[in-house]
PDB file of N, CA and C in Angstrom:
ATOM      1  N   MET A   1     -87.975   7.080 -49.974  1.00  0.00           N
ATOM      2  CA  MET A   1     -86.939   6.463 -49.119  1.00  0.00           C
ATOM      3  C   MET A   1     -86.107   6.963 -48.331  1.00  0.00           C
ATOM      4  N   ALA A   2     -86.219   6.672 -47.132  1.00  0.00           N
ATOM      5  CA  ALA A   2     -85.079   7.597 -46.449  1.00  0.00           C
ATOM      6  C   ALA A   2     -83.593   6.472 -45.867  1.00  0.00           C
ATOM      7  N   GLN A   3     -82.963   8.051 -45.545  1.00  0.00           N
ATOM      8  CA  GLN A   3     -81.680   6.931 -45.445  1.00  0.00           C
ATOM      9  C   GLN A   3     -81.080   6.385 -44.225  1.00  0.00           C
ATOM     10  N   PHE A   4     -81.039   4.608 -44.454  1.00  0.00           N
ATOM     11  CA  PHE A   4     -80.977   3.815 -42.656  1.00  0.00           C
ATOM     12  C   PHE A   4     -82.437   2.750 -42.864  1.00  0.00           C
ATOM     13  N   ASP A   5     -82.907   3.095 -43.671  1.00  0.00           N
ATOM     14  CA  ASP A   5     -84.375   2.124 -43.665  1.00  0.00           C
ATOM     15  C   ASP A   5     -83.729   1.050 -44.250  1.00  0.00           C
ATOM     16  N   VAL A   6     -84.625   0.216 -42.933  1.00  0.00           N
ATOM     17  CA  VAL A   6     -83.779  -1.317 -43.295  1.00  0.00           C
ATOM     18  C   VAL A   6     -84.723  -1.938 -44.182  1.00  0.00           C
ATOM     19  N   TYR A   7     -85.071  -3.254 -45.411  1.00  0.00           N
ATOM     20  CA  TYR A   7     -86.134  -3.957 -46.194  1.00  0.00           C
ATOM     21  C   TYR A   7     -85.419  -5.167 -46.010  1.00  0.00           C
ATOM     22  N   LYS A   8     -86.821  -5.918 -46.061  1.00  0.00           N
ATOM     23  CA  LYS A   8     -85.782  -7.282 -46.742  1.00  0.00           C
ATOM     24  C   LYS A   8     -85.519  -8.005 -48.015  1.00  0.00           C
ATOM     25  N   ASN A   9     -84.780  -8.824 -47.456  1.00  0.00           N
ATOM     26  CA  ASN A   9     -84.113  -8.466 -48.863  1.00  0.00           C
ATOM     27  C   ASN A   9     -84.669  -9.906 -50.137  1.00  0.00           C
ATOM     28  N   PRO A  10     -85.101  -8.784 -50.726  1.00  0.00           N
ATOM     29  CA  PRO A  10     -86.057  -9.686 -51.529  1.00  0.00           C
ATOM     30  C   PRO A  10     -85.003 -10.895 -53.403  1.00  0.00           C
ATOM     31  N   SER A  11     -84.071 -11.316 -52.180  1.00  0.00           N
ATOM     32  CA  SER A  11     -83.411 -12.712 -53.237  1.00  0.00           C
ATOM     33  C   SER A  11     -83.517 -13.460 -52.291  1.00  0.00           C
ATOM     34  N   ARG A  12     -84.204 -14.358 -52.762  1.00  0.00           N
ATOM     35  CA  ARG A  12     -83.942 -15.814 -52.614  1.00  0.00           C
ATOM     36  C   ARG A  12     -83.154 -17.065 -52.158  1.00  0.00           C
ATOM     37  N   ALA A  13     -81.869 -16.030 -53.068  1.00  0.00           N
ATOM     38  CA  ALA A  13     -80.681 -16.897 -52.919  1.00  0.00           C
ATOM     39  C   ALA A  13     -80.112 -16.195 -52.260  1.00  0.00           C
ATOM     40  N   THR A  14     -79.987 -15.419 -51.708  1.00  0.00           N
ATOM     41  CA  THR A  14     -79.273 -14.435 -50.789  1.00  0.00           C
ATOM     42  C   THR A  14     -79.584 -14.586 -49.291  1.00  0.00           C
ATOM     43  N   SER A  15     -81.758 -14.236 -49.402  1.00  0.00           N
ATOM     44  CA  SER A  15     -82.127 -13.520 -48.426  1.00  0.00           C
ATOM     45  C   SER A  15     -81.793 -14.800 -46.931  1.00  0.00           C
ATOM     46  N   LYS A  16     -81.224 -15.954 -46.807  1.00  0.00           N
ATOM     47  CA  LYS A  16     -81.547 -16.841 -46.258  1.00  0.00           C
ATOM     48  C   LYS A  16     -80.096 -16.701 -44.645  1.00  0.00           C
ATOM     49  N   TYR A  17     -79.206 -15.729 -45.509  1.00  0.00           N
ATOM     50  CA  TYR A  17     -77.773 -15.359 -44.184  1.00  0.00           C
ATOM     51  C   TYR A  17     -78.121 -13.763 -44.366  1.00  0.00           C
ATOM     52  N   PHE A  18     -78.622 -13.433 -45.652  1.00  0.00           N
ATOM     53  CA  PHE A  18     -78.960 -11.637 -45.527  1.00  0.00           C
ATOM     54  C   PHE A  18     -80.395 -11.310 -45.617  1.00  0.00           C
ATOM     55  N   PRO A  19     -80.930 -11.291 -44.447  1.00  0.00           N
ATOM     56  CA  PRO A  19     -82.234 -11.139 -44.442  1.00  0.00           C
ATOM     57  C   PRO A  19     -82.506  -9.652 -45.004  1.00  0.00           C
ATOM     58  N   TYR A  20     -81.993  -8.819 -44.195  1.00  0.00           N
ATOM     59  CA  TYR A  20     -82.239  -7.577 -45.034  1.00  0.00           C
ATOM     60  C   TYR A  20     -80.807  -6.516 -45.584  1.00  0.00           C
ATOM     61  N   LEU A  21     -81.789  -5.485 -45.873  1.00  0.00           N
ATOM     62  CA  LEU A  21     -80.917  -4.609 -46.381  1.00  0.00           C
ATOM     63  C   LEU A  21     -80.703  -3.267 -45.797  1.00  0.00           C
ATOM     64  N   VAL A  22     -79.915  -3.069 -45.805  1.00  0.00           N
ATOM     65  CA  VAL A  22     -80.066  -1.264 -45.571  1.00  0.00           C
ATOM     66  C   VAL A  22     -79.481  -0.277 -46.406  1.00  0.00           C
ATOM     67  N   ASP A  23     -80.525   0.409 -46.333  1.00  0.00           N
ATOM     68  CA  ASP A  23     -80.601   1.983 -47.491  1.00  0.00           C
ATOM     69  C   ASP A  23     -79.691   2.751 -46.976  1.00  0.00           C
ATOM     70  N   ILE A  24     -78.387   2.844 -47.454  1.00  0.00           N
ATOM     71  CA  ILE A  24     -77.206   3.717 -46.740  1.00  0.00           C
ATOM     72  C   ILE A  24     -77.373   5.218 -47.655  1.00  0.00           C
ATOM     73  N   GLN A  25     -77.977   5.502 -48.724  1.00  0.00           N
ATOM     74  CA  GLN A  25     -77.643   6.549 -49.854  1.00  0.00           C
ATOM     75  C   GLN A  25     -78.274   7.438 -49.526  1.00  0.00           C
ATOM     76  N   SER A  26     -77.869   8.526 -49.552  1.00  0.00           N
ATOM     77  CA  SER A  26     -78.206   9.964 -49.409  1.00  0.00           C
ATOM     78  C   SER A  26     -79.559  10.032 -50.089  1.00  0.00           C
ATOM     79  N   PRO A  27     -80.243  10.944 -48.635  1.00  0.00           N
ATOM     80  CA  PRO A  27     -81.384  11.233 -49.824  1.00  0.00           C
ATOM     81  C   PRO A  27     -81.847  13.331 -50.381  1.00  0.00           C
ATOM     82  N   TYR A  28     -80.484  12.968 -51.027  1.00  0.00           N
ATOM     83  CA  TYR A  28     -80.099  13.971 -52.304  1.00  0.00           C
ATOM     84  C   TYR A  28     -80.182  13.293 -53.409  1.00  0.00           C
ATOM     85  N   LEU A  29     -80.061  12.278 -53.724  1.00  0.00           N
ATOM     86  CA  LEU A  29     -79.908  11.455 -54.488  1.00  0.00           C
ATOM     87  C   LEU A  29     -81.033  10.282 -54.902  1.00  0.00           C
ATOM     88  N   GLU A  30     -82.344  10.776 -54.390  1.00  0.00           N
ATOM     89  CA  GLU A  30     -83.594  10.458 -54.704  1.00  0.00           C
ATOM     90  C   GLU A  30     -84.203   9.816 -56.013  1.00  0.00           C
ATOM     91  N   GLU A  31     -83.923  10.493 -56.977  1.00  0.00           N
ATOM     92  CA  GLU A  31     -83.846  10.335 -58.579  1.00  0.00           C
ATOM     93  C   GLU A  31     -83.244   9.360 -59.036  1.00  0.00           C
ATOM     94  N   LEU A  32     -82.492   8.798 -58.729  1.00  0.00           N
ATOM     95  CA  LEU A  32     -81.603   7.633 -59.021  1.00  0.00           C
ATOM     96  C   LEU A  32     -82.615   6.197 -59.578  1.00  0.00           C
ATOM     97  N   ALA A  33     -82.159   5.490 -60.085  1.00  0.00           N
ATOM     98  CA  ALA A  33     -82.968   4.210 -60.125  1.00  0.00           C
ATOM     99  C   ALA A  33     -82.550   3.065 -59.329  1.00  0.00           C
ATOM    100  N   THR A  34     -81.319   3.364 -58.586  1.00  0.00           N
ATOM    101  CA  THR A  34     -80.263   1.918 -57.465  1.00  0.00           C
ATOM    102  C   THR A  34     -80.476   2.636 -56.850  1.00  0.00           C
ATOM    103  N   ARG A  35     -80.101   2.360 -55.995  1.00  0.00           N
ATOM    104  CA  ARG A  35     -79.976   2.718 -54.388  1.00  0.00           C
ATOM    105  C   ARG A  35     -78.663   1.691 -53.657  1.00  0.00           C
ATOM    106  N   ILE A  36     -77.623   2.676 -52.882  1.00  0.00           N
ATOM    107  CA  ILE A  36     -76.537   1.651 -52.169  1.00  0.00           C
ATOM    108  C   ILE A  36     -76.997   0.759 -50.862  1.00  0.00           C
ATOM    109  N   VAL A  37     -76.638  -0.124 -51.022  1.00  0.00           N
ATOM    110  CA  VAL A  37     -76.878  -0.754 -49.467  1.00  0.00           C
ATOM    111  C   VAL A  37     -76.255  -1.732 -48.781  1.00  0.00           C
ATOM    112  N   ILE A  38     -76.779  -2.105 -48.079  1.00  0.00           N
ATOM    113  CA  ILE A  38     -75.186  -3.008 -47.292  1.00  0.00           C
ATOM    114  C   ILE A  38     -76.429  -3.735 -46.494  1.00  0.00           C
ATOM    115  N   PRO A  39     -75.671  -5.569 -46.303  1.00  0.00           N
ATOM    116  CA  PRO A  39     -76.794  -6.477 -46.011  1.00  0.00           C
ATOM    117  C   PRO A  39     -76.343  -6.625 -44.570  1.00  0.00           C
ATOM    118  N   LEU A  40     -77.130  -7.053 -43.652  1.00  0.00           N
ATOM    119  CA  LEU A  40     -77.801  -6.846 -42.278  1.00  0.00           C
ATOM    120  C   LEU A  40     -77.431  -9.307 -42.583  1.00  0.00           C
ATOM    121  N   ALA A  41     -76.328  -9.207 -41.850  1.00  0.00           N
ATOM    122  CA  ALA A  41     -76.436 -10.988 -41.854  1.00  0.00           C
ATOM    123  C   ALA A  41     -76.921 -11.442 -40.406  1.00  0.00           C
ATOM    124  N   LYS A  42     -76.992 -12.397 -40.273  1.00  0.00           N
ATOM    125  CA  LYS A  42     -77.296 -13.270 -39.488  1.00  0.00           C
ATOM    126  C   LYS A  42     -75.714 -13.892 -39.071  1.00  0.00           C
ATOM    127  N   ALA A  43     -75.791 -13.132 -37.613  1.00  0.00           N
ATOM    128  CA  ALA A  43     -74.540 -12.205 -36.196  1.00  0.00           C
ATOM    129  C   ALA A  43     -74.030 -14.307 -36.282  1.00  0.00           C
ATOM    130  N   ALA A  44     -75.006 -15.507 -35.798  1.00  0.00           N
ATOM    131  CA  ALA A  44     -74.759 -16.356 -35.654  1.00  0.00           C
ATOM    132  C   ALA A  44     -73.878 -17.486 -36.746  1.00  0.00           C
ATOM    133  N   ASP A  45     -74.366 -16.415 -37.746  1.00  0.00           N
ATOM    134  CA  ASP A  45     -73.463 -17.707 -38.959  1.00  0.00           C
ATOM    135  C   ASP A  45     -72.814 -16.872 -39.567  1.00  0.00           C
ATOM    136  N   PHE A  46     -71.841 -16.101 -38.859  1.00  0.00           N
ATOM    137  CA  PHE A  46     -70.802 -14.886 -39.566  1.00  0.00           C
ATOM    138  C   PHE A  46     -69.996 -14.729 -38.354  1.00  0.00           C
ATOM    139  N   LYS A  47     -69.514 -15.856 -37.392  1.00  0.00           N
ATOM    140  CA  LYS A  47     -68.936 -15.471 -36.225  1.00  0.00           C
ATOM    141  C   LYS A  47     -67.320 -14.867 -37.210  1.00  0.00           C
ATOM    142  N   GLN A  48     -67.139 -15.410 -38.184  1.00  0.00           N
ATOM    143  CA  GLN A  48     -65.349 -15.373 -38.253  1.00  0.00           C
ATOM    144  C   GLN A  48     -65.885 -14.250 -38.859  1.00  0.00           C
ATOM    145  N   SER A  49     -66.785 -12.866 -39.038  1.00  0.00           N
ATOM    146  CA  SER A  49     -66.708 -11.878 -40.267  1.00  0.00           C
ATOM    147  C   SER A  49     -66.363 -10.446 -39.004  1.00  0.00           C
ATOM    148  N   VAL A  50     -66.992 -11.065 -38.109  1.00  0.00           N
ATOM    149  CA  VAL A  50     -67.187 -10.093 -36.797  1.00  0.00           C
ATOM    150  C   VAL A  50     -65.659  -9.147 -36.551  1.00  0.00           C
ATOM    151  N   MET A  51     -65.553  -7.792 -37.025  1.00  0.00           N
ATOM    152  CA  MET A  51     -64.415  -6.929 -37.286  1.00  0.00           C
ATOM    153  C   MET A  51     -65.215  -5.445 -36.170  1.00  0.00           C
ATOM    154  N   LYS A  52     -64.408  -5.510 -35.261  1.00  0.00           N
ATOM    155  CA  LYS A  52     -65.134  -4.599 -34.309  1.00  0.00           C
ATOM    156  C   LYS A  52     -64.338  -3.187 -35.332  1.00  0.00           C
ATOM    157  N   GLY A  53     -65.286  -2.576 -34.985  1.00  0.00           N
ATOM    158  CA  GLY A  53     -66.092  -1.218 -35.972  1.00  0.00           C
ATOM    159  C   GLY A  53     -66.500  -1.501 -37.448  1.00  0.00           C
ATOM    160  N   LEU A  54     -65.867  -2.140 -38.500  1.00  0.00           N
ATOM    161  CA  LEU A  54     -66.357  -2.091 -39.666  1.00  0.00           C
ATOM    162  C   LEU A  54     -67.680  -2.904 -39.760  1.00  0.00           C
ATOM    163  N   THR A  55     -67.787  -4.415 -38.839  1.00  0.00           N
ATOM    164  CA  THR A  55     -69.032  -4.979 -38.806  1.00  0.00           C
ATOM    165  C   THR A  55     -69.900  -4.728 -37.793  1.00  0.00           C
ATOM    166  N   PRO A  56     -70.183  -3.522 -37.698  1.00  0.00           N
ATOM    167  CA  PRO A  56     -70.844  -3.238 -36.234  1.00  0.00           C
ATOM    168  C   PRO A  56     -72.081  -4.267 -36.176  1.00  0.00           C
ATOM    169  N   LYS A  57     -72.327  -4.626 -34.980  1.00  0.00           N
ATOM    170  CA  LYS A  57     -73.657  -5.731 -34.226  1.00  0.00           C
ATOM    171  C   LYS A  57     -74.652  -5.101 -34.069  1.00  0.00           C
ATOM    172  N   ILE A  58     -75.793  -4.695 -34.730  1.00  0.00           N
ATOM    173  CA  ILE A  58     -76.692  -4.483 -34.299  1.00  0.00           C
ATOM    174  C   ILE A  58     -79.170  -5.567 -34.113  1.00  0.00           C
ATOM    175  N   PHE A  59     -78.666  -5.733 -32.792  1.00  0.00           N
ATOM    176  CA  PHE A  59     -80.328  -6.020 -32.460  1.00  0.00           C
ATOM    177  C   PHE A  59     -81.188  -5.078 -33.678  1.00  0.00           C
ATOM    178  N   PHE A  60     -81.921  -6.179 -34.071  1.00  0.00           N
ATOM    179  CA  PHE A  60     -83.019  -5.713 -35.086  1.00  0.00           C
ATOM    180  C   PHE A  60     -84.419  -7.025 -35.300  1.00  0.00           C
ATOM    181  N   GLU A  61     -85.208  -6.783 -34.792  1.00  0.00           N
ATOM    182  CA  GLU A  61     -85.972  -7.613 -35.219  1.00  0.00           C
ATOM    183  C   GLU A  61     -86.328  -8.882 -34.808  1.00  0.00           C
ATOM    184  N   GLY A  62     -85.820  -8.541 -33.252  1.00  0.00           N
ATOM    185  CA  GLY A  62     -85.356  -9.924 -32.733  1.00  0.00           C
ATOM    186  C   GLY A  62     -83.831 -11.014 -32.593  1.00  0.00           C
ATOM    187  N   GLU A  63     -83.061 -10.702 -33.383  1.00  0.00           N
ATOM    188  CA  GLU A  63     -82.231 -11.167 -33.847  1.00  0.00           C
ATOM    189  C   GLU A  63     -81.075 -10.098 -33.893  1.00  0.00           C
ATOM    190  N   ASP A  64     -79.546 -10.771 -33.453  1.00  0.00           N
ATOM    191  CA  ASP A  64     -78.599 -10.512 -33.832  1.00  0.00           C
ATOM    192  C   ASP A  64     -77.916 -10.425 -35.252  1.00  0.00           C
ATOM    193  N   LEU A  65     -78.093  -9.109 -34.639  1.00  0.00           N
ATOM    194  CA  LEU A  65     -77.589  -9.462 -36.579  1.00  0.00           C
ATOM    195  C   LEU A  65     -76.207  -8.037 -36.884  1.00  0.00           C
ATOM    196  N   LEU A  66     -75.715  -8.387 -38.119  1.00  0.00           N
ATOM    197  CA  LEU A  66     -73.909  -7.951 -38.407  1.00  0.00           C
ATOM    198  C   LEU A  66     -74.014  -6.827 -39.419  1.00  0.00           C
ATOM    199  N   PHE A  67     -73.700  -5.998 -39.963  1.00  0.00           N
ATOM    200  CA  PHE A  67     -73.706  -4.502 -40.428  1.00  0.00           C
ATOM    201  C   PHE A  67     -72.489  -4.348 -41.285  1.00  0.00           C
ATOM    202  N   LEU A  68     -72.914  -6.070 -42.598  1.00  0.00           N
ATOM    203  CA  LEU A  68     -71.728  -6.067 -43.088  1.00  0.00           C
ATOM    204  C   LEU A  68     -70.775  -4.893 -44.099  1.00  0.00           C
ATOM    205  N   THR A  69     -70.455  -3.656 -43.676  1.00  0.00           N
ATOM    206  CA  THR A  69     -69.794  -2.981 -44.393  1.00  0.00           C
ATOM    207  C   THR A  69     -69.132  -3.168 -45.705  1.00  0.00           C
ATOM    208  N   PRO A  70     -68.149  -4.144 -45.733  1.00  0.00           N
ATOM    209  CA  PRO A  70     -67.519  -4.633 -46.711  1.00  0.00           C
ATOM    210  C   PRO A  70     -68.615  -5.354 -48.070  1.00  0.00           C
ATOM    211  N   GLN A  71     -69.783  -5.528 -47.442  1.00  0.00           N
ATOM    212  CA  GLN A  71     -70.824  -6.188 -48.725  1.00  0.00           C
ATOM    213  C   GLN A  71     -71.854  -5.401 -49.301  1.00  0.00           C
ATOM    214  N   ILE A  72     -71.254  -3.808 -49.242  1.00  0.00           N
ATOM    215  CA  ILE A  72     -71.455  -2.841 -49.891  1.00  0.00           C
ATOM    216  C   ILE A  72     -71.840  -3.189 -50.987  1.00  0.00           C
ATOM    217  N   SER A  73     -73.236  -2.333 -51.976  1.00  0.00           N
ATOM    218  CA  SER A  73     -72.877  -3.048 -53.202  1.00  0.00           C
ATOM    219  C   SER A  73     -74.558  -2.234 -53.802  1.00  0.00           C
ATOM    220  N   SER A  74     -74.958  -1.887 -54.986  1.00  0.00           N
ATOM    221  CA  SER A  74     -75.752  -0.846 -55.483  1.00  0.00           C
ATOM    222  C   SER A  74     -76.934  -1.769 -56.205  1.00  0.00           C
ATOM    223  N   MET A  75     -77.866  -1.628 -55.658  1.00  0.00           N
ATOM    224  CA  MET A  75     -79.373  -2.638 -56.774  1.00  0.00           C
ATOM    225  C   MET A  75     -80.121  -1.538 -57.056  1.00  0.00           C
ATOM    226  N   PRO A  76     -80.692  -2.260 -57.938  1.00  0.00           N
ATOM    227  CA  PRO A  76     -82.420  -1.305 -58.486  1.00  0.00           C
ATOM    228  C   PRO A  76     -83.065  -0.974 -57.188  1.00  0.00           C
ATOM    229  N   ARG A  77     -83.888   0.221 -57.381  1.00  0.00           N
ATOM    230  CA  ARG A  77     -84.702   0.255 -56.423  1.00  0.00           C
ATOM    231  C   ARG A  77     -85.893   0.187 -55.972  1.00  0.00           C
ATOM    232  N   LYS A  78     -86.546  -1.041 -57.145  1.00  0.00           N
ATOM    233  CA  LYS A  78     -88.442  -1.257 -57.017  1.00  0.00           C
ATOM    234  C   LYS A  78     -87.999  -2.396 -56.420  1.00  0.00           C
ATOM    235  N   PRO A  79     -87.261  -3.382 -56.142  1.00  0.00           N
ATOM    236  CA  PRO A  79     -87.623  -4.334 -55.913  1.00  0.00           C
ATOM    237  C   PRO A  79     -87.420  -4.173 -53.933  1.00  0.00           C
ATOM    238  N   LEU A  80     -87.796  -2.818 -53.540  1.00  0.00           N
ATOM    239  CA  LEU A  80     -87.170  -2.139 -51.922  1.00  0.00           C
ATOM    240  C   LEU A  80     -87.985  -1.726 -52.201  1.00  0.00           C
ATOM    241  N   LYS A  81     -89.179  -2.306 -51.806  1.00  0.00           N
ATOM    242  CA  LYS A  81     -90.598  -2.024 -51.510  1.00  0.00           C
ATOM    243  C   LYS A  81     -91.018  -1.390 -50.435  1.00  0.00           C
ATOM    244  N   ASP A  82     -91.905  -1.579 -49.469  1.00  0.00           N
ATOM    245  CA  ASP A  82     -92.153  -0.848 -48.414  1.00  0.00           C
ATOM    246  C   ASP A  82     -90.909  -1.927 -46.963  1.00  0.00           C
ATOM    247  N   PRO A  83     -90.222   0.296 -46.530  1.00  0.00           N
ATOM    248  CA  PRO A  83     -89.067  -0.797 -45.200  1.00  0.00           C
ATOM    249  C   PRO A  83     -90.280  -1.474 -43.677  1.00  0.00           C
ATOM    250  N   VAL A  84     -89.103  -2.609 -43.162  1.00  0.00           N
ATOM    251  CA  VAL A  84     -89.736  -3.054 -42.006  1.00  0.00           C
ATOM    252  C   VAL A  84     -89.514  -2.490 -40.286  1.00  0.00           C
ATOM    253  N   GLY A  85     -89.050  -1.423 -41.381  1.00  0.00           N
ATOM    254  CA  GLY A  85     -88.023  -0.825 -39.905  1.00  0.00           C
ATOM    255  C   GLY A  85     -87.183  -0.008 -40.550  1.00  0.00           C
ATOM    256  N   SER A  86     -85.826   0.816 -39.642  1.00  0.00           N
ATOM    257  CA  SER A  86     -84.513   1.937 -39.664  1.00  0.00           C
ATOM    258  C   SER A  86     -84.002   1.285 -38.777  1.00  0.00           C
ATOM    259  N   VAL A  87     -82.841   1.565 -39.049  1.00  0.00           N
ATOM    260  CA  VAL A  87     -81.867   1.986 -38.064  1.00  0.00           C
ATOM    261  C   VAL A  87     -80.664   3.533 -37.815  1.00  0.00           C
ATOM    262  N   ALA A  88     -81.798   4.024 -38.818  1.00  0.00           N
ATOM    263  CA  ALA A  88     -81.279   5.726 -38.504  1.00  0.00           C
ATOM    264  C   ALA A  88     -80.567   6.165 -37.164  1.00  0.00           C
ATOM    265  N   HIS A  89     -81.075   5.635 -35.713  1.00  0.00           N
ATOM    266  CA  HIS A  89     -80.141   5.581 -34.953  1.00  0.00           C
ATOM    267  C   HIS A  89     -78.997   5.302 -34.354  1.00  0.00           C
ATOM    268  N   LEU A  90     -78.615   4.298 -35.259  1.00  0.00           N
ATOM    269  CA  LEU A  90     -77.140   4.139 -35.070  1.00  0.00           C
ATOM    270  C   LEU A  90     -76.668   4.565 -36.176  1.00  0.00           C
ATOM    271  N   ARG A  91     -77.159   5.134 -36.883  1.00  0.00           N
ATOM    272  CA  ARG A  91     -76.449   6.170 -37.466  1.00  0.00           C
ATOM    273  C   ARG A  91     -74.384   6.662 -37.622  1.00  0.00           C
ATOM    274  N   GLU A  92     -74.088   7.124 -36.169  1.00  0.00           N
ATOM    275  CA  GLU A  92     -72.986   7.455 -36.131  1.00  0.00           C
ATOM    276  C   GLU A  92     -72.008   6.156 -35.967  1.00  0.00           C
ATOM    277  N   GLU A  93     -72.749   4.842 -35.115  1.00  0.00           N
ATOM    278  CA  GLU A  93     -71.769   3.894 -35.374  1.00  0.00           C
ATOM    279  C   GLU A  93     -71.935   3.136 -37.067  1.00  0.00           C
ATOM    280  N   LEU A  94     -72.916   3.923 -38.176  1.00  0.00           N
ATOM    281  CA  LEU A  94     -72.952   3.411 -39.231  1.00  0.00           C
ATOM    282  C   LEU A  94     -71.758   3.836 -40.700  1.00  0.00           C
ATOM    283  N   LEU A  95     -71.862   5.085 -40.265  1.00  0.00           N
ATOM    284  CA  LEU A  95     -71.070   5.576 -41.015  1.00  0.00           C
ATOM    285  C   LEU A  95     -69.718   5.749 -40.715  1.00  0.00           C
ATOM    286  N   ASN A  96     -69.238   5.811 -39.068  1.00  0.00           N
ATOM    287  CA  ASN A  96     -67.930   5.477 -39.395  1.00  0.00           C
ATOM    288  C   ASN A  96     -67.190   3.766 -39.358  1.00  0.00           C
ATOM    289  N   SER A  97     -68.149   3.203 -39.214  1.00  0.00           N
ATOM    290  CA  SER A  97     -68.059   1.511 -40.686  1.00  0.00           C
ATOM    291  C   SER A  97     -67.690   2.568 -41.535  1.00  0.00           C
ATOM    292  N   LEU A  98     -67.976   2.720 -42.588  1.00  0.00           N
ATOM    293  CA  LEU A  98     -67.667   3.222 -43.505  1.00  0.00           C
ATOM    294  C   LEU A  98     -66.268   3.876 -43.765  1.00  0.00           C
ATOM    295  N   ASP A  99     -66.468   5.150 -43.351  1.00  0.00           N
ATOM    296  CA  ASP A  99     -65.539   5.097 -42.731  1.00  0.00           C
ATOM    297  C   ASP A  99     -64.456   4.212 -42.266  1.00  0.00           C
ATOM    298  N   PHE A 100     -64.282   3.143 -41.362  1.00  0.00           N
ATOM    299  CA  PHE A 100     -63.253   2.548 -41.485  1.00  0.00           C
ATOM    300  C   PHE A 100     -62.702   1.831 -42.333  1.00  0.00           C
ATOM    301  N   ALA A 101     -63.940   1.196 -43.547  1.00  0.00           N
ATOM    302  CA  ALA A 101     -63.703   0.161 -44.741  1.00  0.00           C
ATOM    303  C   ALA A 101     -62.766   1.847 -45.873  1.00  0.00           C
ATOM    304  N   LEU A 102     -63.496   2.428 -46.099  1.00  0.00           N
ATOM    305  CA  LEU A 102     -62.922   3.059 -46.912  1.00  0.00           C
ATOM    306  C   LEU A 102     -61.636   3.945 -46.575  1.00  0.00           C
ATOM    307  N   LEU A 103     -61.375   4.354 -45.003  1.00  0.00           N
ATOM    308  CA  LEU A 103     -60.227   4.864 -44.920  1.00  0.00           C
ATOM    309  C   LEU A 103     -59.064   4.708 -44.047  1.00  0.00           C
ATOM    310  N   GLY A 104     -59.924   4.060 -43.612  1.00  0.00           N
ATOM    311  CA  GLY A 104     -58.882   2.836 -42.395  1.00  0.00           C
ATOM    312  C   GLY A 104     -58.793   3.770 -41.734  1.00  0.00           C
ATOM    313  N   ILE A 105     -59.800   4.841 -40.096  1.00  0.00           N
ATOM    314  CA  ILE A 105     -59.990   5.402 -39.135  1.00  0.00           C
ATOM    315  C   ILE A 105     -61.376   4.810 -38.925  1.00  0.00           C
TER     316      ILE A 105
END
């Protein structure tokens, strides 16, 4: 598993609004049974949730999506099977959103 790989959301209950999950966990923590993820939400469904710096907009798989930093969570790694892509090219922007959420900067 690579940091910033994108996976289809395996949850039937939430995948309609959060179709993808971004694995943000450090590769140095590969042995853990859990992964730290942040959902990507359909931007059209979350217009009120857009906050500059906190929820960056991402164009992925032909859709405008929001990186919902405040929805950070942990989940078992087992359901995250094959990545469907990567957003590693947005690393700096995504890390900045985490800094903003944690430190206010």
